[in-house]
Amino acid sequence: MKIFDPTSSPVPRALEIAAVPARLEGARLMLVENTKFNSETLLKKLAERLARRHGTVVSGVHRKRSPSHEIEEGVVPALSRQADLVVSGIGD
């Protein structure tokens, strides 16, 4: 069990920012759906628009356990291999 102390300060961690694709034409798009209401609808509409405008192709959809959970650590390498661009959607 993890117990979080809401009075503690955040712990900084190093982040590696992914490279931005030079072009969207033909890019493989992975969607990360966070289970919030309308998240899947928003992502599908965005994917359709990107496909129409730039010829992107959805290479897969990953569904998170809940909006508050991060993507599981083991899933990140698979997302990197399967996609040129990952979009995480919110809803409501």
N, C-alpha and C. Protein backbone atom coordinates (compact mmCIF):
# COMPACT_ATOMS: atom_id res chain seq x y z
N MET A 1 0.84 -1.16 0.00
CA MET A 1 0.00 0.00 0.00
C MET A 1 0.89 1.23 0.00
N LYS A 2 0.56 2.20 -0.84
CA LYS A 2 1.27 3.47 -0.87
C LYS A 2 0.43 4.49 -0.12
N ILE A 3 1.08 5.26 0.72
CA ILE A 3 0.40 6.33 1.44
C ILE A 3 1.06 7.64 1.01
N PHE A 4 0.25 8.55 0.56
CA PHE A 4 0.75 9.84 0.12
C PHE A 4 0.46 10.89 1.16
N ASP A 5 1.46 11.69 1.46
CA ASP A 5 1.32 12.78 2.42
C ASP A 5 1.03 14.06 1.63
N PRO A 6 -0.19 14.59 1.71
CA PRO A 6 -0.54 15.77 0.91
C PRO A 6 0.19 17.04 1.34
N THR A 7 0.86 17.01 2.49
CA THR A 7 1.57 18.20 2.95
C THR A 7 3.04 18.19 2.51
N SER A 8 3.49 17.12 1.89
CA SER A 8 4.89 17.05 1.47
C SER A 8 5.08 17.83 0.17
N SER A 9 6.31 18.21 -0.08
CA SER A 9 6.65 18.93 -1.31
C SER A 9 6.83 17.93 -2.45
N PRO A 10 6.58 18.35 -3.68
CA PRO A 10 6.80 17.45 -4.81
C PRO A 10 8.28 17.10 -4.95
N VAL A 11 8.53 15.91 -5.42
CA VAL A 11 9.90 15.47 -5.65
C VAL A 11 10.21 15.67 -7.13
N PRO A 12 11.17 16.54 -7.45
CA PRO A 12 11.48 16.75 -8.87
C PRO A 12 12.10 15.50 -9.48
N ARG A 13 11.79 15.28 -10.75
CA ARG A 13 12.40 14.17 -11.47
C ARG A 13 12.74 14.62 -12.88
N ALA A 14 13.77 14.00 -13.42
CA ALA A 14 14.22 14.36 -14.77
C ALA A 14 13.23 13.83 -15.79
N LEU A 15 12.93 14.64 -16.77
CA LEU A 15 12.04 14.25 -17.85
C LEU A 15 12.77 14.37 -19.17
N GLU A 16 12.54 13.40 -20.02
CA GLU A 16 13.10 13.45 -21.36
C GLU A 16 11.96 13.75 -22.33
N ILE A 17 12.04 14.88 -22.98
CA ILE A 17 11.01 15.29 -23.92
C ILE A 17 11.25 14.58 -25.26
N ALA A 18 10.21 13.98 -25.79
CA ALA A 18 10.32 13.28 -27.08
C ALA A 18 10.53 14.28 -28.20
N ALA A 19 11.23 13.85 -29.22
CA ALA A 19 11.44 14.70 -30.39
C ALA A 19 10.12 14.91 -31.12
N VAL A 20 9.94 16.10 -31.62
CA VAL A 20 8.74 16.43 -32.38
C VAL A 20 8.94 15.95 -33.82
N PRO A 21 7.98 15.22 -34.38
CA PRO A 21 8.15 14.77 -35.78
C PRO A 21 8.26 15.97 -36.72
N ALA A 22 9.14 15.85 -37.70
CA ALA A 22 9.33 16.93 -38.67
C ALA A 22 8.07 17.14 -39.52
N ARG A 23 7.35 16.04 -39.78
CA ARG A 23 6.13 16.10 -40.58
C ARG A 23 5.09 15.17 -39.98
N LEU A 24 3.83 15.49 -40.20
CA LEU A 24 2.75 14.60 -39.76
C LEU A 24 2.28 13.67 -40.86
N GLU A 25 2.64 13.97 -42.11
CA GLU A 25 2.19 13.17 -43.24
C GLU A 25 2.59 11.71 -43.05
N GLY A 26 1.59 10.83 -42.97
CA GLY A 26 1.83 9.40 -42.84
C GLY A 26 2.29 8.93 -41.48
N ALA A 27 2.30 9.82 -40.49
CA ALA A 27 2.76 9.45 -39.15
C ALA A 27 1.82 8.43 -38.51
N ARG A 28 2.40 7.51 -37.75
CA ARG A 28 1.61 6.52 -37.00
C ARG A 28 1.23 7.16 -35.67
N LEU A 29 -0.05 7.15 -35.37
CA LEU A 29 -0.60 7.82 -34.20
C LEU A 29 -1.11 6.80 -33.20
N MET A 30 -0.63 6.88 -31.97
CA MET A 30 -1.12 6.03 -30.89
C MET A 30 -1.97 6.92 -29.98
N LEU A 31 -3.15 6.43 -29.63
CA LEU A 31 -4.07 7.17 -28.77
C LEU A 31 -4.04 6.56 -27.38
N VAL A 32 -3.96 7.42 -26.36
CA VAL A 32 -4.02 6.97 -24.97
C VAL A 32 -5.31 7.52 -24.38
N GLU A 33 -6.23 6.63 -24.13
CA GLU A 33 -7.56 6.99 -23.63
C GLU A 33 -7.54 6.85 -22.12
N ASN A 34 -7.98 7.88 -21.41
CA ASN A 34 -7.83 7.88 -19.95
C ASN A 34 -9.09 7.47 -19.19
N THR A 35 -10.10 6.99 -19.85
CA THR A 35 -11.36 6.49 -19.28
C THR A 35 -12.31 7.58 -18.79
N LYS A 36 -11.97 8.84 -18.98
CA LYS A 36 -12.92 9.90 -18.61
C LYS A 36 -14.06 9.95 -19.63
N PHE A 37 -15.18 10.45 -19.20
CA PHE A 37 -16.34 10.60 -20.07
C PHE A 37 -15.96 11.44 -21.28
N ASN A 38 -16.24 10.98 -22.46
CA ASN A 38 -15.98 11.64 -23.74
C ASN A 38 -14.52 11.59 -24.20
N SER A 39 -13.62 11.00 -23.42
CA SER A 39 -12.22 10.94 -23.82
C SER A 39 -12.06 10.17 -25.13
N GLU A 40 -12.72 9.02 -25.23
CA GLU A 40 -12.60 8.20 -26.44
C GLU A 40 -13.18 8.94 -27.65
N THR A 41 -14.29 9.62 -27.47
CA THR A 41 -14.92 10.38 -28.55
C THR A 41 -13.99 11.50 -29.02
N LEU A 42 -13.41 12.23 -28.08
CA LEU A 42 -12.50 13.31 -28.42
C LEU A 42 -11.30 12.79 -29.20
N LEU A 43 -10.72 11.69 -28.75
CA LEU A 43 -9.55 11.13 -29.43
C LEU A 43 -9.89 10.64 -30.84
N LYS A 44 -11.04 10.00 -31.00
CA LYS A 44 -11.44 9.51 -32.32
C LYS A 44 -11.66 10.66 -33.28
N LYS A 45 -12.29 11.72 -32.83
CA LYS A 45 -12.52 12.89 -33.70
C LYS A 45 -11.19 13.56 -34.06
N LEU A 46 -10.28 13.65 -33.11
CA LEU A 46 -8.97 14.21 -33.40
C LEU A 46 -8.22 13.34 -34.41
N ALA A 47 -8.27 12.03 -34.22
CA ALA A 47 -7.60 11.10 -35.15
C ALA A 47 -8.18 11.22 -36.55
N GLU A 48 -9.50 11.34 -36.66
CA GLU A 48 -10.13 11.50 -37.97
C GLU A 48 -9.67 12.79 -38.65
N ARG A 49 -9.59 13.86 -37.88
CA ARG A 49 -9.17 15.15 -38.44
C ARG A 49 -7.70 15.10 -38.88
N LEU A 50 -6.85 14.48 -38.06
CA LEU A 50 -5.43 14.36 -38.44
C LEU A 50 -5.27 13.48 -39.68
N ALA A 51 -6.08 12.43 -39.78
CA ALA A 51 -6.02 11.56 -40.96
C ALA A 51 -6.42 12.33 -42.21
N ARG A 52 -7.50 13.10 -42.11
CA ARG A 52 -7.97 13.89 -43.26
C ARG A 52 -6.94 14.93 -43.68
N ARG A 53 -6.40 15.65 -42.73
CA ARG A 53 -5.50 16.77 -43.04
C ARG A 53 -4.07 16.35 -43.34
N HIS A 54 -3.61 15.28 -42.67
CA HIS A 54 -2.19 14.94 -42.75
C HIS A 54 -1.90 13.49 -43.12
N GLY A 55 -2.92 12.68 -43.28
CA GLY A 55 -2.70 11.29 -43.65
C GLY A 55 -2.13 10.43 -42.53
N THR A 56 -2.33 10.84 -41.29
CA THR A 56 -1.87 10.01 -40.18
C THR A 56 -2.71 8.74 -40.10
N VAL A 57 -2.15 7.72 -39.47
CA VAL A 57 -2.82 6.43 -39.33
C VAL A 57 -2.78 6.03 -37.87
N VAL A 58 -3.92 5.65 -37.31
CA VAL A 58 -3.95 5.20 -35.92
C VAL A 58 -3.34 3.81 -35.85
N SER A 59 -2.26 3.69 -35.09
CA SER A 59 -1.59 2.40 -34.97
C SER A 59 -2.07 1.62 -33.75
N GLY A 60 -2.84 2.27 -32.88
CA GLY A 60 -3.37 1.56 -31.73
C GLY A 60 -3.97 2.50 -30.70
N VAL A 61 -4.66 1.92 -29.74
CA VAL A 61 -5.27 2.67 -28.64
C VAL A 61 -4.90 1.96 -27.35
N HIS A 62 -4.39 2.72 -26.40
CA HIS A 62 -4.09 2.18 -25.07
C HIS A 62 -5.06 2.82 -24.08
N ARG A 63 -5.66 2.01 -23.24
CA ARG A 63 -6.62 2.52 -22.26
C ARG A 63 -5.99 2.47 -20.87
N LYS A 64 -5.91 3.62 -20.22
CA LYS A 64 -5.36 3.69 -18.87
C LYS A 64 -6.36 3.13 -17.86
N ARG A 65 -5.87 2.74 -16.69
CA ARG A 65 -6.76 2.21 -15.63
C ARG A 65 -7.73 3.28 -15.15
N SER A 66 -7.24 4.51 -15.04
CA SER A 66 -8.09 5.62 -14.60
C SER A 66 -7.40 6.92 -15.00
N PRO A 67 -8.11 8.04 -14.97
CA PRO A 67 -7.50 9.31 -15.33
C PRO A 67 -6.32 9.70 -14.43
N SER A 68 -6.34 9.27 -13.18
CA SER A 68 -5.29 9.67 -12.25
C SER A 68 -4.04 8.81 -12.32
N HIS A 69 -4.11 7.67 -13.01
CA HIS A 69 -2.94 6.79 -13.11
C HIS A 69 -2.07 7.18 -14.31
N GLU A 70 -0.77 7.00 -14.13
CA GLU A 70 0.15 7.19 -15.25
C GLU A 70 0.06 5.98 -16.17
N ILE A 71 0.63 6.12 -17.36
CA ILE A 71 0.75 4.96 -18.25
C ILE A 71 1.72 4.00 -17.58
N GLU A 72 1.38 2.73 -17.60
CA GLU A 72 2.24 1.73 -16.97
C GLU A 72 3.63 1.77 -17.60
N GLU A 73 4.65 1.65 -16.76
CA GLU A 73 6.05 1.76 -17.21
C GLU A 73 6.37 0.81 -18.36
N GLY A 74 5.86 -0.41 -18.31
CA GLY A 74 6.15 -1.39 -19.35
C GLY A 74 5.50 -1.09 -20.69
N VAL A 75 4.51 -0.22 -20.70
CA VAL A 75 3.78 0.10 -21.93
C VAL A 75 4.53 1.15 -22.76
N VAL A 76 5.30 1.99 -22.11
CA VAL A 76 5.97 3.10 -22.80
C VAL A 76 6.87 2.62 -23.95
N PRO A 77 7.72 1.61 -23.77
CA PRO A 77 8.54 1.17 -24.90
C PRO A 77 7.70 0.67 -26.09
N ALA A 78 6.61 0.00 -25.80
CA ALA A 78 5.73 -0.48 -26.88
C ALA A 78 5.12 0.69 -27.63
N LEU A 79 4.70 1.71 -26.91
CA LEU A 79 4.15 2.91 -27.57
C LEU A 79 5.19 3.53 -28.48
N SER A 80 6.42 3.58 -28.01
CA SER A 80 7.51 4.17 -28.80
C SER A 80 7.76 3.40 -30.08
N ARG A 81 7.67 2.08 -30.01
CA ARG A 81 7.91 1.25 -31.19
C ARG A 81 6.75 1.33 -32.19
N GLN A 82 5.54 1.47 -31.70
CA GLN A 82 4.35 1.39 -32.55
C GLN A 82 3.89 2.72 -33.10
N ALA A 83 4.46 3.83 -32.62
CA ALA A 83 3.92 5.12 -33.03
C ALA A 83 5.01 6.16 -33.22
N ASP A 84 4.72 7.12 -34.09
CA ASP A 84 5.57 8.28 -34.28
C ASP A 84 5.10 9.42 -33.39
N LEU A 85 3.83 9.34 -32.98
CA LEU A 85 3.20 10.39 -32.20
C LEU A 85 2.19 9.77 -31.28
N VAL A 86 2.18 10.20 -30.00
CA VAL A 86 1.22 9.67 -29.02
C VAL A 86 0.39 10.85 -28.52
N VAL A 87 -0.93 10.68 -28.52
CA VAL A 87 -1.83 11.70 -28.01
C VAL A 87 -2.62 11.12 -26.87
N SER A 88 -2.56 11.78 -25.72
CA SER A 88 -3.31 11.35 -24.56
C SER A 88 -4.51 12.28 -24.42
N GLY A 89 -5.70 11.69 -24.34
CA GLY A 89 -6.90 12.50 -24.33
C GLY A 89 -7.54 12.62 -22.99
N ILE A 90 -8.17 13.74 -22.77
CA ILE A 90 -8.99 13.93 -21.60
C ILE A 90 -10.42 14.04 -22.06
N GLY A 91 -11.32 14.11 -21.17
CA GLY A 91 -12.72 14.20 -21.55
C GLY A 91 -13.47 15.15 -20.65
N ASP A 92 -14.72 14.89 -20.47
CA ASP A 92 -15.68 15.65 -19.65
C ASP A 92 -16.46 16.63 -20.47
